[in-house]
Protein backbone atom coordinates (compact mmCIF):
# COMPACT_ATOMS: atom_id res chain seq x y z
CA MET A 1 -20.59 6.36 34.88
CA ASN A 2 -23.53 6.94 37.21
CA GLU A 3 -26.34 7.30 34.67
CA ARG A 4 -28.93 8.28 37.28
CA ARG A 5 -26.83 11.26 38.35
CA LEU A 6 -26.10 12.10 34.72
CA ARG A 7 -29.83 12.35 34.03
CA ALA A 8 -30.47 14.41 37.14
CA ASP A 9 -27.66 16.87 36.40
CA LEU A 10 -28.64 17.35 32.76
CA LEU A 11 -32.36 17.74 33.49
CA ARG A 12 -31.63 20.24 36.27
CA TRP A 13 -29.50 22.30 33.87
CA TYR A 14 -32.13 22.13 31.13
CA GLY A 15 -34.80 23.36 33.51
CA ARG A 16 -32.92 26.58 34.18
CA ALA A 17 -30.93 27.11 30.95
CA LYS A 18 -33.19 26.03 28.07
CA ARG A 19 -33.86 28.57 25.35
CA ASP A 20 -37.35 30.00 25.04
CA LEU A 21 -38.27 28.60 21.63
CA PRO A 22 -41.80 28.91 20.23
CA TRP A 23 -42.32 25.18 19.73
CA ARG A 24 -41.54 24.59 23.40
CA ARG A 25 -44.58 26.61 24.36
CA ASN A 26 -47.76 24.56 24.28
CA PRO A 27 -46.03 21.48 22.77
CA THR A 28 -49.03 19.87 21.07
CA PRO A 29 -48.35 16.99 18.65
CA TYR A 30 -49.03 19.28 15.66
CA ARG A 31 -46.73 22.07 16.86
CA VAL A 32 -43.93 19.69 17.80
CA TRP A 33 -44.25 17.82 14.50
CA VAL A 34 -44.08 20.97 12.36
CA SER A 35 -41.05 22.22 14.28
CA GLU A 36 -39.18 18.93 13.98
CA ILE A 37 -39.74 18.76 10.23
CA MET A 38 -38.62 22.36 9.80
CA LEU A 39 -35.52 21.86 11.95
CA GLN A 40 -34.22 19.03 9.80
CA GLN A 41 -31.02 20.37 8.19
CA THR A 42 -32.05 23.95 9.08
CA THR A 43 -30.89 26.19 11.94
CA VAL A 44 -33.04 27.39 14.82
CA ALA A 45 -32.45 31.01 13.76
CA ALA A 46 -33.74 30.34 10.25
CA VAL A 47 -36.68 28.23 11.41
CA THR A 48 -38.09 30.46 14.17
CA PRO A 49 -39.73 33.20 12.02
CA LYS A 50 -40.81 30.66 9.40
CA TYR A 51 -42.38 28.46 12.07
CA LEU A 52 -44.40 31.31 13.52
CA ALA A 53 -45.56 32.42 10.06
CA PHE A 54 -46.44 28.84 9.09
CA LEU A 55 -48.62 28.37 12.16
CA ARG A 56 -50.36 31.68 11.53
CA ARG A 57 -51.22 30.46 8.04
CA PHE A 58 -51.98 26.85 9.05
CA PRO A 59 -52.93 26.97 12.76
CA THR A 60 -54.31 23.43 12.85
CA LEU A 61 -53.57 20.09 11.29
CA ALA A 62 -56.92 20.25 9.48
CA SER A 63 -56.07 23.60 7.90
CA LEU A 64 -52.79 22.17 6.61
CA ALA A 65 -54.51 19.06 5.25
CA SER A 66 -57.02 21.14 3.29
CA ALA A 67 -54.43 23.52 1.81
CA THR A 68 -53.16 23.29 -1.75
CA GLU A 69 -49.61 22.13 -2.36
CA ASP A 70 -48.68 25.49 -3.87
CA ALA A 71 -49.97 27.31 -0.77
CA VAL A 72 -47.85 25.12 1.49
CA LEU A 73 -44.77 25.52 -0.69
CA LYS A 74 -45.20 29.30 -0.73
CA GLN A 75 -45.30 29.35 3.07
CA TRP A 76 -42.24 27.09 3.16
CA ALA A 77 -40.26 29.38 0.83
CA GLY A 78 -36.68 29.93 1.95
CA LEU A 79 -36.35 26.78 4.05
CA GLY A 80 -35.28 24.53 1.17
CA TYR A 81 -35.64 20.75 0.92
CA TYR A 82 -39.18 21.20 -0.36
CA SER A 83 -40.03 17.50 -0.17
CA ARG A 84 -40.36 18.14 3.58
CA ALA A 85 -43.25 20.52 2.94
CA ARG A 86 -44.96 18.15 0.53
CA ASN A 87 -44.67 15.27 3.00
CA LEU A 88 -45.95 17.46 5.82
CA ARG A 89 -49.12 18.16 3.84
CA ARG A 90 -49.47 14.51 2.76
CA ALA A 91 -49.06 13.35 6.36
CA ALA A 92 -51.68 15.83 7.56
CA GLN A 93 -54.08 14.44 4.96
CA ALA A 94 -53.30 10.91 6.13
CA VAL A 95 -54.02 11.86 9.76
CA VAL A 96 -57.40 13.31 8.71
CA ALA A 97 -58.26 10.30 6.56
CA GLU A 98 -56.94 7.49 8.75
CA HIS A 99 -56.98 8.86 12.31
CA SER A 100 -60.06 11.13 12.30
CA GLY A 101 -57.86 14.21 12.41
CA ARG A 102 -56.14 13.28 15.69
CA PHE A 103 -52.38 12.84 15.58
CA PRO A 104 -51.67 9.19 16.51
CA ALA A 105 -49.85 8.33 19.73
CA ASP A 106 -48.70 4.89 18.56
CA PHE A 107 -45.09 4.60 17.35
CA ASP A 108 -45.81 2.44 14.30
CA ALA A 109 -48.71 4.67 13.25
CA VAL A 110 -46.55 7.78 13.53
CA LEU A 111 -43.68 6.12 11.66
CA ALA A 112 -46.06 5.20 8.82
CA LEU A 113 -46.83 8.85 8.07
CA PRO A 114 -45.06 10.40 5.05
CA GLY A 115 -41.80 12.15 5.88
CA ILE A 116 -41.51 10.78 9.43
CA GLY A 117 -38.57 8.60 10.41
CA ARG A 118 -37.42 7.09 13.66
CA TYR A 119 -35.95 10.36 14.98
CA THR A 120 -39.05 12.46 14.28
CA ALA A 121 -41.38 9.80 15.68
CA GLY A 122 -39.32 9.66 18.87
CA ALA A 123 -39.32 13.44 19.18
CA ILE A 124 -43.09 13.75 18.79
CA LEU A 125 -43.94 10.88 21.10
CA SER A 126 -41.53 11.91 23.85
CA ILE A 127 -42.16 15.68 23.76
CA ALA A 128 -45.87 15.84 22.96
CA PHE A 129 -47.06 12.56 24.50
CA GLN A 130 -44.39 12.04 27.22
CA LYS A 131 -43.69 8.52 26.04
CA PRO A 132 -40.16 7.13 26.67
CA TYR A 133 -38.95 6.92 23.08
CA PRO A 134 -35.36 7.89 22.27
CA LEU A 135 -34.07 10.09 19.49
CA VAL A 136 -30.70 10.38 17.82
CA ASP A 137 -29.58 13.38 15.79
CA GLY A 138 -26.27 15.12 15.14
CA ASN A 139 -26.30 16.92 18.48
CA VAL A 140 -27.10 13.75 20.40
CA ILE A 141 -24.40 11.77 18.59
CA ARG A 142 -21.82 14.44 19.42
CA VAL A 143 -22.81 14.47 23.09
CA PHE A 144 -22.72 10.68 23.30
CA THR A 145 -19.35 10.33 21.56
CA ARG A 146 -17.82 12.68 24.13
CA LEU A 147 -19.67 11.49 27.22
CA PHE A 148 -18.76 7.86 26.53
CA CYS A 149 -15.58 8.48 24.48
CA LEU A 150 -16.86 6.65 21.41
CA LYS A 151 -14.79 6.88 18.26
CA GLY A 152 -16.74 7.17 15.03
CA ARG A 153 -18.08 9.57 12.42
CA ALA A 154 -21.43 11.22 13.10
CA LYS A 155 -22.67 10.56 9.55
CA ASP A 156 -21.51 6.97 9.33
CA PRO A 157 -24.72 4.86 9.22
CA ALA A 158 -23.10 1.95 11.06
CA PHE A 159 -21.91 4.24 13.85
CA VAL A 160 -25.28 6.01 14.07
CA LYS A 161 -27.00 2.63 14.39
CA LYS A 162 -24.93 1.96 17.51
CA MET A 163 -26.26 5.15 19.13
CA TRP A 164 -29.88 4.02 19.26
CA PRO A 165 -29.53 1.29 21.93
CA LEU A 166 -27.57 3.76 24.06
CA ALA A 167 -30.26 6.42 23.61
CA GLN A 168 -32.96 3.88 24.48
CA ARG A 169 -31.12 2.85 27.64
CA LEU A 170 -30.73 6.43 28.84
CA VAL A 171 -34.19 7.84 28.11
CA PRO A 172 -36.11 8.01 31.40
CA ALA A 173 -39.70 6.95 31.94
CA ALA A 174 -40.39 10.31 33.60
CA LEU A 175 -39.86 13.49 31.56
CA PRO A 176 -38.59 11.73 28.41
CA GLY A 177 -39.33 14.83 26.32
CA ASP A 178 -37.28 17.06 28.58
CA TRP A 179 -34.45 14.54 28.54
CA ASN A 180 -34.35 14.34 24.74
CA GLN A 181 -34.53 18.12 24.41
CA ALA A 182 -31.84 18.52 27.06
CA LEU A 183 -29.46 16.32 25.06
CA MET A 184 -30.12 18.36 21.91
CA GLU A 185 -29.87 21.65 23.81
CA LEU A 186 -26.53 20.64 25.29
CA GLY A 187 -25.19 19.76 21.85
CA ALA A 188 -26.48 22.97 20.30
CA THR A 189 -25.29 25.42 22.95
CA VAL A 190 -22.46 23.86 25.01
CA CYS A 191 -21.14 20.63 23.49
CA THR A 192 -20.68 22.31 20.13
CA PRO A 193 -18.74 20.91 17.15
CA ASP A 194 -15.79 23.26 17.54
CA SER A 195 -14.29 24.22 20.90
CA PRO A 196 -16.93 22.78 23.25
CA SER A 197 -17.51 24.86 26.38
CA CYS A 198 -16.51 22.15 28.82
CA GLY A 199 -16.07 24.66 31.66
CA ALA A 200 -19.78 25.51 31.42
CA CYS A 201 -20.98 21.95 30.85
CA PRO A 202 -23.37 20.65 33.52
CA VAL A 203 -22.27 17.04 32.92
CA ALA A 204 -18.51 17.52 32.41
CA LYS A 205 -17.79 15.48 35.53
CA HIS A 206 -19.47 12.51 33.83
CA CYS A 207 -17.68 12.99 30.48
CA VAL A 208 -15.03 10.36 29.68
CA ALA A 209 -13.62 12.29 26.69
CA PHE A 210 -13.22 15.44 28.83
CA ARG A 211 -11.43 13.45 31.51
CA LYS A 212 -9.03 12.10 28.87
CA GLY A 213 -8.66 15.43 27.03
CA LEU A 214 -10.12 13.98 23.82
CA GLN A 215 -13.29 16.06 23.49
CA ASP A 216 -12.01 18.26 20.65
CA GLY A 217 -11.33 15.22 18.45
CA LEU A 218 -14.73 13.58 18.80
CA PRO A 219 -16.71 12.73 16.80
CA LEU A 220 -14.05 11.81 14.23
CA PRO A 221 -13.93 14.25 11.29
CA GLU A 222 -16.12 13.45 8.29
CA ILE A 223 -14.66 12.46 4.94
CA ARG A 224 -15.18 15.59 2.86
CA ARG A 225 -17.29 15.33 -0.26
CA GLU A 226 -16.33 17.66 -3.07
CA PRO A 227 -19.28 19.74 -4.35
CA VAL A 228 -20.62 18.93 -7.81
CA PRO A 229 -20.47 22.01 -10.07
CA VAL A 230 -23.71 22.77 -11.93
CA HIS A 231 -24.26 25.57 -14.45
CA TRP A 232 -27.71 26.81 -15.43
CA SER A 233 -28.58 29.40 -18.02
CA CYS A 234 -32.10 30.58 -17.25
CA LEU A 235 -34.36 32.78 -19.30
CA TRP A 236 -36.46 35.84 -18.57
CA ILE A 237 -39.25 35.70 -21.16
CA GLU A 238 -41.78 38.49 -20.75
CA LYS A 239 -44.80 39.39 -22.87
CA ASN A 240 -47.64 41.81 -22.17
CA GLY A 241 -46.65 42.18 -18.53
CA LYS A 242 -46.47 38.44 -17.93
CA VAL A 243 -43.41 36.23 -17.36
CA LEU A 244 -43.10 32.64 -18.54
CA LEU A 245 -42.48 30.20 -15.67
CA TRP A 246 -41.69 26.52 -16.03
CA ARG A 247 -42.65 23.75 -13.64
CA ARG A 248 -39.70 21.44 -13.13
CA SER A 249 -40.54 17.73 -13.30
CA ASP A 250 -39.76 15.07 -10.71
CA LYS A 251 -36.97 13.86 -13.02
CA GLU A 252 -34.91 17.01 -12.52
CA ARG A 253 -31.73 16.67 -10.49
CA LEU A 254 -32.60 19.66 -8.27
CA LEU A 255 -35.71 21.62 -7.25
CA LYS A 256 -38.02 18.85 -8.38
CA ASN A 257 -41.67 19.78 -9.03
CA LEU A 258 -41.09 23.47 -8.28
CA TRP A 259 -41.84 26.47 -10.44
CA GLY A 260 -38.77 28.19 -11.82
CA LEU A 261 -37.49 30.36 -14.60
CA PRO A 262 -37.08 28.11 -17.66
CA GLU A 263 -33.63 26.77 -18.44
CA ALA A 264 -32.24 27.41 -21.89
CA GLY A 265 -32.95 24.37 -24.03
CA ARG A 266 -36.20 23.53 -22.21
CA VAL A 267 -38.20 26.08 -24.22
CA GLU A 268 -37.82 27.30 -27.79
CA ALA A 269 -36.28 30.70 -27.21
CA THR A 270 -33.39 32.88 -28.34
CA PRO A 271 -31.19 33.95 -25.38
CA GLY A 272 -30.08 37.58 -25.30
CA ARG A 273 -28.21 39.87 -22.96
CA MET A 274 -27.18 38.85 -19.48
CA LEU A 275 -29.42 40.27 -16.77
CA ALA A 276 -27.99 38.74 -13.59
CA MET A 277 -25.80 35.97 -12.22
CA THR A 278 -25.74 34.27 -8.85
CA TRP A 279 -24.19 31.36 -6.98
CA HIS A 280 -26.18 28.95 -4.86
CA SER A 281 -25.62 25.69 -2.95
CA ILE A 282 -28.12 22.84 -2.78
CA THR A 283 -27.00 19.77 -0.81
CA HIS A 284 -23.61 18.89 -2.35
CA HIS A 285 -24.18 20.85 -5.57
CA ALA A 286 -22.53 24.21 -6.29
CA LEU A 287 -24.71 26.11 -8.76
CA THR A 288 -23.70 28.96 -11.02
CA VAL A 289 -26.87 30.45 -12.45
CA GLU A 290 -27.11 33.15 -15.10
CA LEU A 291 -30.29 34.92 -16.11
CA ARG A 292 -30.64 36.05 -19.71
CA GLU A 293 -33.30 38.02 -21.47
CA ALA A 294 -34.96 35.92 -24.17
CA ALA A 295 -37.69 35.93 -26.77
CA LEU A 296 -39.95 32.94 -27.24
CA ALA A 297 -39.33 31.39 -30.63
CA GLY A 298 -42.06 28.75 -30.57
CA GLY A 299 -45.04 27.87 -28.45
CA ALA A 300 -44.88 27.68 -24.67
CA PRO A 301 -44.52 24.06 -23.47
CA PRO A 302 -47.44 22.50 -21.56
CA GLU A 303 -45.53 22.51 -18.27
CA SER A 304 -45.12 26.29 -18.42
CA LYS A 305 -47.39 29.15 -17.41
CA TRP A 306 -47.63 32.88 -18.08
CA VAL A 307 -47.73 34.66 -14.73
CA PRO A 308 -48.29 38.41 -14.11
CA ARG A 309 -44.95 39.99 -13.31
CA GLY A 310 -46.14 41.15 -9.89
CA ALA A 311 -47.19 37.60 -8.92
CA ILE A 312 -44.09 35.61 -9.82
CA ARG A 313 -42.82 35.59 -6.22
CA ASP A 314 -45.92 33.57 -5.33
CA TYR A 315 -44.56 30.81 -7.56
CA LEU A 316 -40.76 31.08 -7.26
CA VAL A 317 -40.36 29.81 -3.71
CA SER A 318 -36.71 28.75 -3.81
CA SER A 319 -34.24 31.31 -2.49
CA LEU A 320 -32.21 30.67 -5.64
CA TRP A 321 -34.73 32.63 -7.71
CA LEU A 322 -35.03 35.35 -5.12
CA LYS A 323 -31.32 36.05 -5.53
CA LEU A 324 -31.89 36.74 -9.23
CA LEU A 325 -35.12 38.72 -8.99
CA PRO A 326 -34.18 41.97 -7.22
CA SER A 327 -32.77 43.31 -10.50
CA ARG A 328 -36.12 42.65 -12.15
């Protein structure tokens, strides 16, 4: 394979075909960083409005660093994986405290920030600082497995580890950010998981899997993990226009450290009639959640709080609760 021509063909295509995404406009370190954290395990369509709203609320790194955790979580509502939001705030505080408020341009310094791994560090440094650092994500792995006809599973850590030297070899000294984004753009829009559009691919002539007719079988299919069923019975406890909310601890299996409606058994209460039921997925857990009217039988636990009924959406940031609330 002629890697120089591969780079030229892919970069030429990216220059004319790339999507107009908000984080690609004025790609400052802060804007790129926020977008990359949001895009982890979340689609572009879901992230775009949330990203714009987040930057309106926290336009600078300093404004994020000075915000309360609850304010950041409220702005993050609906994106899930709330540890990302907490780490984003913690990292912003670290940049203010340790780097005088300027996002570092050194790889080790970026990697040391909370919530930033090798992929995110490479994305920030290549896109915002134009430094030749590689990145490897699901889209890049899929593109590489087909281009070079590599047999492996995209979520197999040992196979993923083999992708990094290849990514490092291919990333150019000039326009490394465009190259990395071009790889991801190709995987997201052309070299898709199912039925890749090889006829529209700008680098099909370089693709070994396409030449051998193997593109549809690569990467190898993942070993399916059966979802873990979880059942919650949650309580709607209301008194004098206020609703009792319960802050989940960091020892909870799911939705750690987030406000929620209390689970039966976590407060002294007598459950009553069913008000609503919903189904929700979190990672590999399949939740069935019922909401029951209840009366408090004892005192409210210290980790709970009475919140005016009209303000509970400021606390219940997970989309799970929002599925139950319309009936209330």
